[in-house]
Amino acid sequence: RMQAAILRGTASNEIAWEKL
C-alpha cells in the first residue's frame, strides 16, 4: 500500500514538472 501510494505520488510529481 505504501509503495503504491509513493509510486503514484512520484508519477503525479513527474506530470506536475512536465506541466511546469
N, C-alpha and C. Protein backbone atom coordinates (compact mmCIF):
# COMPACT_ATOMS: atom_id res chain seq x y z
N ARG A 1 0.85 -1.21 0.00
CA ARG A 1 0.00 0.00 0.00
C ARG A 1 0.88 1.25 0.00
N MET A 2 1.82 1.31 0.89
CA MET A 2 2.68 2.50 0.96
C MET A 2 3.44 2.69 -0.34
N GLN A 3 4.03 1.61 -0.85
CA GLN A 3 4.80 1.73 -2.10
C GLN A 3 3.91 2.21 -3.22
N ALA A 4 2.68 1.68 -3.32
CA ALA A 4 1.77 2.11 -4.39
C ALA A 4 1.50 3.60 -4.28
N ALA A 5 1.26 4.07 -3.05
CA ALA A 5 0.98 5.50 -2.86
C ALA A 5 2.20 6.32 -3.26
N ILE A 6 3.38 5.85 -2.90
CA ILE A 6 4.60 6.59 -3.24
C ILE A 6 4.78 6.62 -4.76
N LEU A 7 4.55 5.46 -5.40
CA LEU A 7 4.68 5.41 -6.87
C LEU A 7 3.71 6.39 -7.51
N ARG A 8 2.49 6.43 -6.97
CA ARG A 8 1.50 7.37 -7.54
C ARG A 8 1.97 8.81 -7.31
N GLY A 9 2.51 9.07 -6.14
CA GLY A 9 2.98 10.43 -5.83
C GLY A 9 4.09 10.85 -6.78
N THR A 10 5.05 9.95 -7.04
CA THR A 10 6.15 10.28 -7.94
C THR A 10 5.61 10.50 -9.35
N ALA A 11 4.65 9.68 -9.76
CA ALA A 11 4.07 9.82 -11.11
C ALA A 11 3.41 11.19 -11.23
N SER A 12 2.61 11.57 -10.22
CA SER A 12 1.92 12.87 -10.27
C SER A 12 2.95 13.99 -10.24
N ASN A 13 4.02 13.80 -9.48
CA ASN A 13 5.07 14.84 -9.42
C ASN A 13 5.69 15.01 -10.80
N GLU A 14 5.95 13.90 -11.50
CA GLU A 14 6.54 14.00 -12.84
C GLU A 14 5.61 14.77 -13.77
N ILE A 15 4.31 14.49 -13.66
CA ILE A 15 3.33 15.20 -14.51
C ILE A 15 3.35 16.69 -14.17
N ALA A 16 3.40 16.99 -12.87
CA ALA A 16 3.41 18.40 -12.46
C ALA A 16 4.65 19.09 -13.03
N TRP A 17 5.80 18.42 -12.99
CA TRP A 17 7.02 19.03 -13.53
C TRP A 17 6.87 19.25 -15.03
N GLU A 18 6.26 18.26 -15.72
CA GLU A 18 6.07 18.42 -17.17
C GLU A 18 5.18 19.62 -17.45
N LYS A 19 4.13 19.81 -16.61
CA LYS A 19 3.22 20.95 -16.82
C LYS A 19 3.98 22.25 -16.62
N LEU A 20 4.90 22.27 -15.65
CA LEU A 20 5.66 23.49 -15.40
C LEU A 20 6.51 23.80 -16.62
